[in-house]
mmCIF file of all heavy atoms, coordinates in Angstrom:
data_MODEL
# 
_entry.id   MODEL 
# 
loop_
_atom_site.group_PDB 
_atom_site.id 
_atom_site.type_symbol 
_atom_site.label_atom_id 
_atom_site.label_alt_id 
_atom_site.label_comp_id 
_atom_site.label_asym_id 
_atom_site.label_entity_id 
_atom_site.label_seq_id 
_atom_site.pdbx_PDB_ins_code 
_atom_site.Cartn_x 
_atom_site.Cartn_y 
_atom_site.Cartn_z 
_atom_site.occupancy 
_atom_site.B_iso_or_equiv 
_atom_site.pdbx_formal_charge 
_atom_site.auth_seq_id 
_atom_site.auth_comp_id 
_atom_site.auth_asym_id 
_atom_site.auth_atom_id 
_atom_site.pdbx_PDB_model_num 
ATOM 1   N N   . ASN A 1 1  ? -163.295 -49.519 -65.995 1.00 0.00 ? 1  ASN A N   1 
ATOM 2   C CA  . ASN A 1 1  ? -162.019 -50.245 -65.988 1.00 0.00 ? 1  ASN A CA  1 
ATOM 3   C C   . ASN A 1 1  ? -161.163 -50.095 -64.732 1.00 0.00 ? 1  ASN A C   1 
ATOM 4   O O   . ASN A 1 1  ? -159.963 -49.754 -64.822 1.00 0.00 ? 1  ASN A O   1 
ATOM 5   C CB  . ASN A 1 1  ? -161.170 -49.862 -67.210 1.00 0.00 ? 1  ASN A CB  1 
ATOM 6   C CG  . ASN A 1 1  ? -161.906 -50.061 -68.529 1.00 0.00 ? 1  ASN A CG  1 
ATOM 7   O OD1 . ASN A 1 1  ? -162.566 -51.103 -68.691 1.00 0.00 ? 1  ASN A OD1 1 
ATOM 8   N ND2 . ASN A 1 1  ? -161.828 -49.090 -69.435 1.00 0.00 ? 1  ASN A ND2 1 
ATOM 9   N N   . PRO A 1 2  ? -161.746 -50.299 -63.576 1.00 0.00 ? 2  PRO A N   1 
ATOM 10  C CA  . PRO A 1 2  ? -160.925 -50.214 -62.353 1.00 0.00 ? 2  PRO A CA  1 
ATOM 11  C C   . PRO A 1 2  ? -159.930 -51.389 -62.280 1.00 0.00 ? 2  PRO A C   1 
ATOM 12  O O   . PRO A 1 2  ? -160.169 -52.484 -62.743 1.00 0.00 ? 2  PRO A O   1 
ATOM 13  C CB  . PRO A 1 2  ? -161.934 -50.297 -61.234 1.00 0.00 ? 2  PRO A CB  1 
ATOM 14  C CG  . PRO A 1 2  ? -163.048 -51.130 -61.799 1.00 0.00 ? 2  PRO A CG  1 
ATOM 15  C CD  . PRO A 1 2  ? -163.097 -50.739 -63.270 1.00 0.00 ? 2  PRO A CD  1 
ATOM 16  N N   . MET A 1 3  ? -158.752 -51.118 -61.700 1.00 0.00 ? 3  MET A N   1 
ATOM 17  C CA  . MET A 1 3  ? -157.750 -52.129 -61.459 1.00 0.00 ? 3  MET A CA  1 
ATOM 18  C C   . MET A 1 3  ? -157.277 -52.033 -60.028 1.00 0.00 ? 3  MET A C   1 
ATOM 19  O O   . MET A 1 3  ? -157.167 -50.920 -59.483 1.00 0.00 ? 3  MET A O   1 
ATOM 20  C CB  . MET A 1 3  ? -156.561 -51.981 -62.412 1.00 0.00 ? 3  MET A CB  1 
ATOM 21  C CG  . MET A 1 3  ? -156.887 -52.218 -63.868 1.00 0.00 ? 3  MET A CG  1 
ATOM 22  S SD  . MET A 1 3  ? -155.373 -52.133 -64.856 1.00 0.00 ? 3  MET A SD  1 
ATOM 23  C CE  . MET A 1 3  ? -156.103 -52.193 -66.522 1.00 0.00 ? 3  MET A CE  1 
ATOM 24  N N   . TYR A 1 4  ? -156.944 -53.152 -59.450 1.00 0.00 ? 4  TYR A N   1 
ATOM 25  C CA  . TYR A 1 4  ? -156.391 -53.210 -58.115 1.00 0.00 ? 4  TYR A CA  1 
ATOM 26  C C   . TYR A 1 4  ? -154.857 -53.287 -58.248 1.00 0.00 ? 4  TYR A C   1 
ATOM 27  O O   . TYR A 1 4  ? -154.369 -54.275 -58.810 1.00 0.00 ? 4  TYR A O   1 
ATOM 28  C CB  . TYR A 1 4  ? -156.934 -54.385 -57.312 1.00 0.00 ? 4  TYR A CB  1 
ATOM 29  C CG  . TYR A 1 4  ? -156.266 -54.562 -55.968 1.00 0.00 ? 4  TYR A CG  1 
ATOM 30  C CD1 . TYR A 1 4  ? -156.686 -53.807 -54.867 1.00 0.00 ? 4  TYR A CD1 1 
ATOM 31  C CD2 . TYR A 1 4  ? -155.224 -55.455 -55.808 1.00 0.00 ? 4  TYR A CD2 1 
ATOM 32  C CE1 . TYR A 1 4  ? -156.049 -53.942 -53.620 1.00 0.00 ? 4  TYR A CE1 1 
ATOM 33  C CE2 . TYR A 1 4  ? -154.573 -55.601 -54.564 1.00 0.00 ? 4  TYR A CE2 1 
ATOM 34  C CZ  . TYR A 1 4  ? -155.020 -54.847 -53.511 1.00 0.00 ? 4  TYR A CZ  1 
ATOM 35  O OH  . TYR A 1 4  ? -154.397 -54.990 -52.267 1.00 0.00 ? 4  TYR A OH  1 
ATOM 36  N N   . HIS A 1 5  ? -154.142 -52.314 -57.717 1.00 0.00 ? 5  HIS A N   1 
ATOM 37  C CA  . HIS A 1 5  ? -152.682 -52.325 -57.807 1.00 0.00 ? 5  HIS A CA  1 
ATOM 38  C C   . HIS A 1 5  ? -152.115 -53.079 -56.606 1.00 0.00 ? 5  HIS A C   1 
ATOM 39  O O   . HIS A 1 5  ? -152.398 -52.752 -55.469 1.00 0.00 ? 5  HIS A O   1 
ATOM 40  C CB  . HIS A 1 5  ? -152.141 -50.884 -57.839 1.00 0.00 ? 5  HIS A CB  1 
ATOM 41  C CG  . HIS A 1 5  ? -150.643 -50.793 -57.947 1.00 0.00 ? 5  HIS A CG  1 
ATOM 42  N ND1 . HIS A 1 5  ? -149.937 -49.675 -57.566 1.00 0.00 ? 5  HIS A ND1 1 
ATOM 43  C CD2 . HIS A 1 5  ? -149.707 -51.709 -58.368 1.00 0.00 ? 5  HIS A CD2 1 
ATOM 44  C CE1 . HIS A 1 5  ? -148.672 -49.895 -57.792 1.00 0.00 ? 5  HIS A CE1 1 
ATOM 45  N NE2 . HIS A 1 5  ? -148.495 -51.085 -58.268 1.00 0.00 ? 5  HIS A NE2 1 
ATOM 46  N N   . ALA A 1 6  ? -151.304 -54.064 -56.905 1.00 0.00 ? 6  ALA A N   1 
ATOM 47  C CA  . ALA A 1 6  ? -150.637 -54.880 -55.862 1.00 0.00 ? 6  ALA A CA  1 
ATOM 48  C C   . ALA A 1 6  ? -149.121 -54.721 -56.032 1.00 0.00 ? 6  ALA A C   1 
ATOM 49  O O   . ALA A 1 6  ? -148.556 -54.939 -57.116 1.00 0.00 ? 6  ALA A O   1 
ATOM 50  C CB  . ALA A 1 6  ? -150.996 -56.333 -55.959 1.00 0.00 ? 6  ALA A CB  1 
ATOM 51  N N   . ILE A 1 7  ? -148.446 -54.301 -54.967 1.00 0.00 ? 7  ILE A N   1 
ATOM 52  C CA  . ILE A 1 7  ? -146.968 -54.249 -54.951 1.00 0.00 ? 7  ILE A CA  1 
ATOM 53  C C   . ILE A 1 7  ? -146.475 -55.542 -54.299 1.00 0.00 ? 7  ILE A C   1 
ATOM 54  O O   . ILE A 1 7  ? -146.844 -55.852 -53.184 1.00 0.00 ? 7  ILE A O   1 
ATOM 55  C CB  . ILE A 1 7  ? -146.469 -53.020 -54.188 1.00 0.00 ? 7  ILE A CB  1 
ATOM 56  C CG1 . ILE A 1 7  ? -146.826 -51.721 -54.899 1.00 0.00 ? 7  ILE A CG1 1 
ATOM 57  C CG2 . ILE A 1 7  ? -144.959 -53.124 -53.978 1.00 0.00 ? 7  ILE A CG2 1 
ATOM 58  C CD1 . ILE A 1 7  ? -146.473 -50.463 -54.177 1.00 0.00 ? 7  ILE A CD1 1 
ATOM 59  N N   . LEU A 1 8  ? -145.628 -56.289 -55.010 1.00 0.00 ? 8  LEU A N   1 
ATOM 60  C CA  . LEU A 1 8  ? -145.136 -57.563 -54.477 1.00 0.00 ? 8  LEU A CA  1 
ATOM 61  C C   . LEU A 1 8  ? -144.125 -57.250 -53.360 1.00 0.00 ? 8  LEU A C   1 
ATOM 62  O O   . LEU A 1 8  ? -143.103 -56.592 -53.596 1.00 0.00 ? 8  LEU A O   1 
ATOM 63  C CB  . LEU A 1 8  ? -144.437 -58.328 -55.586 1.00 0.00 ? 8  LEU A CB  1 
ATOM 64  C CG  . LEU A 1 8  ? -143.782 -59.664 -55.159 1.00 0.00 ? 8  LEU A CG  1 
ATOM 65  C CD1 . LEU A 1 8  ? -144.841 -60.662 -54.723 1.00 0.00 ? 8  LEU A CD1 1 
ATOM 66  C CD2 . LEU A 1 8  ? -142.901 -60.218 -56.297 1.00 0.00 ? 8  LEU A CD2 1 
ATOM 67  N N   . PRO A 1 9  ? -144.376 -57.716 -52.141 1.00 0.00 ? 9  PRO A N   1 
ATOM 68  C CA  . PRO A 1 9  ? -143.389 -57.484 -51.066 1.00 0.00 ? 9  PRO A CA  1 
ATOM 69  C C   . PRO A 1 9  ? -142.040 -58.041 -51.401 1.00 0.00 ? 9  PRO A C   1 
ATOM 70  O O   . PRO A 1 9  ? -141.906 -59.150 -51.873 1.00 0.00 ? 9  PRO A O   1 
ATOM 71  C CB  . PRO A 1 9  ? -144.032 -58.243 -49.885 1.00 0.00 ? 9  PRO A CB  1 
ATOM 72  C CG  . PRO A 1 9  ? -145.512 -58.257 -50.167 1.00 0.00 ? 9  PRO A CG  1 
ATOM 73  C CD  . PRO A 1 9  ? -145.577 -58.403 -51.679 1.00 0.00 ? 9  PRO A CD  1 
ATOM 74  N N   . ALA A 1 10 ? -140.991 -57.242 -51.180 1.00 0.00 ? 10 ALA A N   1 
ATOM 75  C CA  . ALA A 1 10 ? -139.589 -57.549 -51.485 1.00 0.00 ? 10 ALA A CA  1 
ATOM 76  C C   . ALA A 1 10 ? -139.292 -57.535 -52.960 1.00 0.00 ? 10 ALA A C   1 
ATOM 77  O O   . ALA A 1 10 ? -138.160 -57.912 -53.353 1.00 0.00 ? 10 ALA A O   1 
ATOM 78  C CB  . ALA A 1 10 ? -139.173 -58.873 -50.844 1.00 0.00 ? 10 ALA A CB  1 
ATOM 79  N N   . GLY A 1 11 ? -140.245 -57.218 -53.790 1.00 0.00 ? 11 GLY A N   1 
ATOM 80  C CA  . GLY A 1 11 ? -140.000 -57.050 -55.236 1.00 0.00 ? 11 GLY A CA  1 
ATOM 81  C C   . GLY A 1 11 ? -139.379 -55.716 -55.532 1.00 0.00 ? 11 GLY A C   1 
ATOM 82  O O   . GLY A 1 11 ? -139.267 -54.839 -54.695 1.00 0.00 ? 11 GLY A O   1 
ATOM 83  N N   . PHE A 1 12 ? -138.992 -55.512 -56.780 1.00 0.00 ? 12 PHE A N   1 
ATOM 84  C CA  . PHE A 1 12 ? -138.311 -54.277 -57.149 1.00 0.00 ? 12 PHE A CA  1 
ATOM 85  C C   . PHE A 1 12 ? -139.201 -53.044 -56.978 1.00 0.00 ? 12 PHE A C   1 
ATOM 86  O O   . PHE A 1 12 ? -138.713 -51.955 -56.682 1.00 0.00 ? 12 PHE A O   1 
ATOM 87  C CB  . PHE A 1 12 ? -137.777 -54.359 -58.577 1.00 0.00 ? 12 PHE A CB  1 
ATOM 88  C CG  . PHE A 1 12 ? -136.578 -55.285 -58.718 1.00 0.00 ? 12 PHE A CG  1 
ATOM 89  C CD1 . PHE A 1 12 ? -136.640 -56.374 -59.578 1.00 0.00 ? 12 PHE A CD1 1 
ATOM 90  C CD2 . PHE A 1 12 ? -135.444 -55.081 -57.983 1.00 0.00 ? 12 PHE A CD2 1 
ATOM 91  C CE1 . PHE A 1 12 ? -135.554 -57.231 -59.693 1.00 0.00 ? 12 PHE A CE1 1 
ATOM 92  C CE2 . PHE A 1 12 ? -134.348 -55.907 -58.100 1.00 0.00 ? 12 PHE A CE2 1 
ATOM 93  C CZ  . PHE A 1 12 ? -134.422 -57.021 -58.948 1.00 0.00 ? 12 PHE A CZ  1 
ATOM 94  N N   . GLU A 1 13 ? -140.517 -53.222 -57.175 1.00 0.00 ? 13 GLU A N   1 
ATOM 95  C CA  . GLU A 1 13 ? -141.412 -52.060 -57.016 1.00 0.00 ? 13 GLU A CA  1 
ATOM 96  C C   . GLU A 1 13 ? -141.425 -51.615 -55.554 1.00 0.00 ? 13 GLU A C   1 
ATOM 97  O O   . GLU A 1 13 ? -141.410 -50.429 -55.254 1.00 0.00 ? 13 GLU A O   1 
ATOM 98  C CB  . GLU A 1 13 ? -142.827 -52.473 -57.452 1.00 0.00 ? 13 GLU A CB  1 
ATOM 99  C CG  . GLU A 1 13 ? -143.788 -51.305 -57.608 1.00 0.00 ? 13 GLU A CG  1 
ATOM 100 C CD  . GLU A 1 13 ? -145.038 -51.677 -58.396 1.00 0.00 ? 13 GLU A CD  1 
ATOM 101 O OE1 . GLU A 1 13 ? -145.408 -52.872 -58.418 1.00 0.00 ? 13 GLU A OE1 1 
ATOM 102 O OE2 . GLU A 1 13 ? -145.580 -50.792 -59.022 1.00 0.00 ? 13 GLU A OE2 1 
ATOM 103 N N   . HIS A 1 14 ? -141.478 -52.560 -54.661 1.00 0.00 ? 14 HIS A N   1 
ATOM 104 C CA  . HIS A 1 14 ? -141.392 -52.299 -53.235 1.00 0.00 ? 14 HIS A CA  1 
ATOM 105 C C   . HIS A 1 14 ? -140.077 -51.559 -52.879 1.00 0.00 ? 14 HIS A C   1 
ATOM 106 O O   . HIS A 1 14 ? -140.068 -50.524 -52.233 1.00 0.00 ? 14 HIS A O   1 
ATOM 107 C CB  . HIS A 1 14 ? -141.507 -53.625 -52.451 1.00 0.00 ? 14 HIS A CB  1 
ATOM 108 C CG  . HIS A 1 14 ? -141.497 -53.481 -50.952 1.00 0.00 ? 14 HIS A CG  1 
ATOM 109 N ND1 . HIS A 1 14 ? -141.447 -54.583 -50.163 1.00 0.00 ? 14 HIS A ND1 1 
ATOM 110 C CD2 . HIS A 1 14 ? -141.450 -52.428 -50.136 1.00 0.00 ? 14 HIS A CD2 1 
ATOM 111 C CE1 . HIS A 1 14 ? -141.430 -54.214 -48.871 1.00 0.00 ? 14 HIS A CE1 1 
ATOM 112 N NE2 . HIS A 1 14 ? -141.457 -52.880 -48.827 1.00 0.00 ? 14 HIS A NE2 1 
ATOM 113 N N   . LYS A 1 15 ? -138.968 -52.129 -53.334 1.00 0.00 ? 15 LYS A N   1 
ATOM 114 C CA  . LYS A 1 15 ? -137.672 -51.594 -53.028 1.00 0.00 ? 15 LYS A CA  1 
ATOM 115 C C   . LYS A 1 15 ? -137.454 -50.180 -53.604 1.00 0.00 ? 15 LYS A C   1 
ATOM 116 O O   . LYS A 1 15 ? -136.979 -49.278 -52.890 1.00 0.00 ? 15 LYS A O   1 
ATOM 117 C CB  . LYS A 1 15 ? -136.584 -52.518 -53.559 1.00 0.00 ? 15 LYS A CB  1 
ATOM 118 C CG  . LYS A 1 15 ? -136.530 -53.859 -52.843 1.00 0.00 ? 15 LYS A CG  1 
ATOM 119 C CD  . LYS A 1 15 ? -135.580 -54.848 -53.528 1.00 0.00 ? 15 LYS A CD  1 
ATOM 120 C CE  . LYS A 1 15 ? -135.597 -56.181 -52.833 1.00 0.00 ? 15 LYS A CE  1 
ATOM 121 N NZ  . LYS A 1 15 ? -134.763 -57.194 -53.514 1.00 0.00 ? 15 LYS A NZ  1 
ATOM 122 N N   . LEU A 1 16 ? -137.825 -49.994 -54.846 1.00 0.00 ? 16 LEU A N   1 
ATOM 123 C CA  . LEU A 1 16 ? -137.635 -48.677 -55.477 1.00 0.00 ? 16 LEU A CA  1 
ATOM 124 C C   . LEU A 1 16 ? -138.488 -47.620 -54.861 1.00 0.00 ? 16 LEU A C   1 
ATOM 125 O O   . LEU A 1 16 ? -138.002 -46.485 -54.577 1.00 0.00 ? 16 LEU A O   1 
ATOM 126 C CB  . LEU A 1 16 ? -137.887 -48.760 -56.976 1.00 0.00 ? 16 LEU A CB  1 
ATOM 127 C CG  . LEU A 1 16 ? -136.790 -49.436 -57.793 1.00 0.00 ? 16 LEU A CG  1 
ATOM 128 C CD1 . LEU A 1 16 ? -137.252 -49.747 -59.193 1.00 0.00 ? 16 LEU A CD1 1 
ATOM 129 C CD2 . LEU A 1 16 ? -135.501 -48.589 -57.832 1.00 0.00 ? 16 LEU A CD2 1 
ATOM 130 N N   . LEU A 1 17 ? -139.741 -47.877 -54.607 1.00 0.00 ? 17 LEU A N   1 
ATOM 131 C CA  . LEU A 1 17 ? -140.622 -46.849 -54.043 1.00 0.00 ? 17 LEU A CA  1 
ATOM 132 C C   . LEU A 1 17 ? -140.230 -46.511 -52.615 1.00 0.00 ? 17 LEU A C   1 
ATOM 133 O O   . LEU A 1 17 ? -140.426 -45.336 -52.197 1.00 0.00 ? 17 LEU A O   1 
ATOM 134 C CB  . LEU A 1 17 ? -142.086 -47.298 -54.098 1.00 0.00 ? 17 LEU A CB  1 
ATOM 135 C CG  . LEU A 1 17 ? -142.721 -47.261 -55.489 1.00 0.00 ? 17 LEU A CG  1 
ATOM 136 C CD1 . LEU A 1 17 ? -144.100 -47.907 -55.470 1.00 0.00 ? 17 LEU A CD1 1 
ATOM 137 C CD2 . LEU A 1 17 ? -142.843 -45.793 -55.994 1.00 0.00 ? 17 LEU A CD2 1 
ATOM 138 N N   . GLN A 1 18 ? -139.708 -47.443 -51.867 1.00 0.00 ? 18 GLN A N   1 
ATOM 139 C CA  . GLN A 1 18 ? -139.281 -47.100 -50.483 1.00 0.00 ? 18 GLN A CA  1 
ATOM 140 C C   . GLN A 1 18 ? -137.884 -46.498 -50.474 1.00 0.00 ? 18 GLN A C   1 
ATOM 141 O O   . GLN A 1 18 ? -137.642 -45.559 -49.726 1.00 0.00 ? 18 GLN A O   1 
ATOM 142 C CB  . GLN A 1 18 ? -139.296 -48.349 -49.621 1.00 0.00 ? 18 GLN A CB  1 
ATOM 143 C CG  . GLN A 1 18 ? -138.940 -48.039 -48.180 1.00 0.00 ? 18 GLN A CG  1 
ATOM 144 C CD  . GLN A 1 18 ? -139.355 -49.135 -47.211 1.00 0.00 ? 18 GLN A CD  1 
ATOM 145 O OE1 . GLN A 1 18 ? -140.285 -49.864 -47.427 1.00 0.00 ? 18 GLN A OE1 1 
ATOM 146 N NE2 . GLN A 1 18 ? -138.627 -49.266 -46.103 1.00 0.00 ? 18 GLN A NE2 1 
ATOM 147 N N   . GLY A 1 19 ? -136.982 -46.968 -51.319 1.00 0.00 ? 19 GLY A N   1 
ATOM 148 C CA  . GLY A 1 19 ? -135.625 -46.530 -51.248 1.00 0.00 ? 19 GLY A CA  1 
ATOM 149 C C   . GLY A 1 19 ? -135.273 -45.327 -52.094 1.00 0.00 ? 19 GLY A C   1 
ATOM 150 O O   . GLY A 1 19 ? -134.532 -44.421 -51.658 1.00 0.00 ? 19 GLY A O   1 
ATOM 151 N N   . LEU A 1 20 ? -135.780 -45.306 -53.280 1.00 0.00 ? 20 LEU A N   1 
ATOM 152 C CA  . LEU A 1 20 ? -135.373 -44.235 -54.245 1.00 0.00 ? 20 LEU A CA  1 
ATOM 153 C C   . LEU A 1 20 ? -135.554 -42.814 -53.683 1.00 0.00 ? 20 LEU A C   1 
ATOM 154 O O   . LEU A 1 20 ? -134.686 -41.971 -53.882 1.00 0.00 ? 20 LEU A O   1 
ATOM 155 C CB  . LEU A 1 20 ? -136.121 -44.424 -55.561 1.00 0.00 ? 20 LEU A CB  1 
ATOM 156 C CG  . LEU A 1 20 ? -135.691 -43.591 -56.747 1.00 0.00 ? 20 LEU A CG  1 
ATOM 157 C CD1 . LEU A 1 20 ? -135.887 -44.395 -58.049 1.00 0.00 ? 20 LEU A CD1 1 
ATOM 158 C CD2 . LEU A 1 20 ? -136.531 -42.326 -56.835 1.00 0.00 ? 20 LEU A CD2 1 
ATOM 159 N N   . PRO A 1 21 ? -136.664 -42.509 -52.975 1.00 0.00 ? 21 PRO A N   1 
ATOM 160 C CA  . PRO A 1 21 ? -136.788 -41.133 -52.454 1.00 0.00 ? 21 PRO A CA  1 
ATOM 161 C C   . PRO A 1 21 ? -135.766 -40.768 -51.392 1.00 0.00 ? 21 PRO A C   1 
ATOM 162 O O   . PRO A 1 21 ? -135.697 -39.591 -51.028 1.00 0.00 ? 21 PRO A O   1 
ATOM 163 C CB  . PRO A 1 21 ? -138.220 -41.168 -51.842 1.00 0.00 ? 21 PRO A CB  1 
ATOM 164 C CG  . PRO A 1 21 ? -138.928 -42.217 -52.615 1.00 0.00 ? 21 PRO A CG  1 
ATOM 165 C CD  . PRO A 1 21 ? -137.870 -43.286 -52.825 1.00 0.00 ? 21 PRO A CD  1 
ATOM 166 N N   . GLN A 1 22 ? -134.992 -41.746 -50.903 1.00 0.00 ? 22 GLN A N   1 
ATOM 167 C CA  . GLN A 1 22 ? -133.927 -41.415 -49.941 1.00 0.00 ? 22 GLN A CA  1 
ATOM 168 C C   . GLN A 1 22 ? -132.671 -40.864 -50.666 1.00 0.00 ? 22 GLN A C   1 
ATOM 169 O O   . GLN A 1 22 ? -131.806 -40.234 -50.032 1.00 0.00 ? 22 GLN A O   1 
ATOM 170 C CB  . GLN A 1 22 ? -133.550 -42.641 -49.156 1.00 0.00 ? 22 GLN A CB  1 
ATOM 171 C CG  . GLN A 1 22 ? -134.702 -43.256 -48.349 1.00 0.00 ? 22 GLN A CG  1 
ATOM 172 C CD  . GLN A 1 22 ? -135.388 -42.273 -47.437 1.00 0.00 ? 22 GLN A CD  1 
ATOM 173 O OE1 . GLN A 1 22 ? -134.755 -41.489 -46.701 1.00 0.00 ? 22 GLN A OE1 1 
ATOM 174 N NE2 . GLN A 1 22 ? -136.707 -42.259 -47.481 1.00 0.00 ? 22 GLN A NE2 1 
ATOM 175 N N   . GLU A 1 23 ? -132.569 -41.148 -51.968 1.00 0.00 ? 23 GLU A N   1 
ATOM 176 C CA  . GLU A 1 23 ? -131.390 -40.698 -52.711 1.00 0.00 ? 23 GLU A CA  1 
ATOM 177 C C   . GLU A 1 23 ? -131.211 -39.188 -52.698 1.00 0.00 ? 23 GLU A C   1 
ATOM 178 O O   . GLU A 1 23 ? -130.107 -38.697 -52.535 1.00 0.00 ? 23 GLU A O   1 
ATOM 179 C CB  . GLU A 1 23 ? -131.451 -41.286 -54.116 1.00 0.00 ? 23 GLU A CB  1 
ATOM 180 C CG  . GLU A 1 23 ? -131.295 -42.786 -54.140 1.00 0.00 ? 23 GLU A CG  1 
ATOM 181 C CD  . GLU A 1 23 ? -131.548 -43.435 -55.512 1.00 0.00 ? 23 GLU A CD  1 
ATOM 182 O OE1 . GLU A 1 23 ? -131.884 -42.693 -56.465 1.00 0.00 ? 23 GLU A OE1 1 
ATOM 183 O OE2 . GLU A 1 23 ? -131.523 -44.679 -55.606 1.00 0.00 ? 23 GLU A OE2 1 
ATOM 184 N N   . PRO A 1 24 ? -132.289 -38.409 -52.876 1.00 0.00 ? 24 PRO A N   1 
ATOM 185 C CA  . PRO A 1 24 ? -132.137 -36.943 -52.811 1.00 0.00 ? 24 PRO A CA  1 
ATOM 186 C C   . PRO A 1 24 ? -131.632 -36.484 -51.439 1.00 0.00 ? 24 PRO A C   1 
ATOM 187 O O   . PRO A 1 24 ? -130.862 -35.482 -51.372 1.00 0.00 ? 24 PRO A O   1 
ATOM 188 C CB  . PRO A 1 24 ? -133.549 -36.436 -53.060 1.00 0.00 ? 24 PRO A CB  1 
ATOM 189 C CG  . PRO A 1 24 ? -134.190 -37.500 -53.916 1.00 0.00 ? 24 PRO A CG  1 
ATOM 190 C CD  . PRO A 1 24 ? -133.646 -38.780 -53.339 1.00 0.00 ? 24 PRO A CD  1 
# 
């Protein structure tokens, strides 16, 4: 059951994964 993970550019997944770690 392999799956290919795609992050939509400019979507919330992109924004959160790039930005959220800056909060600390």
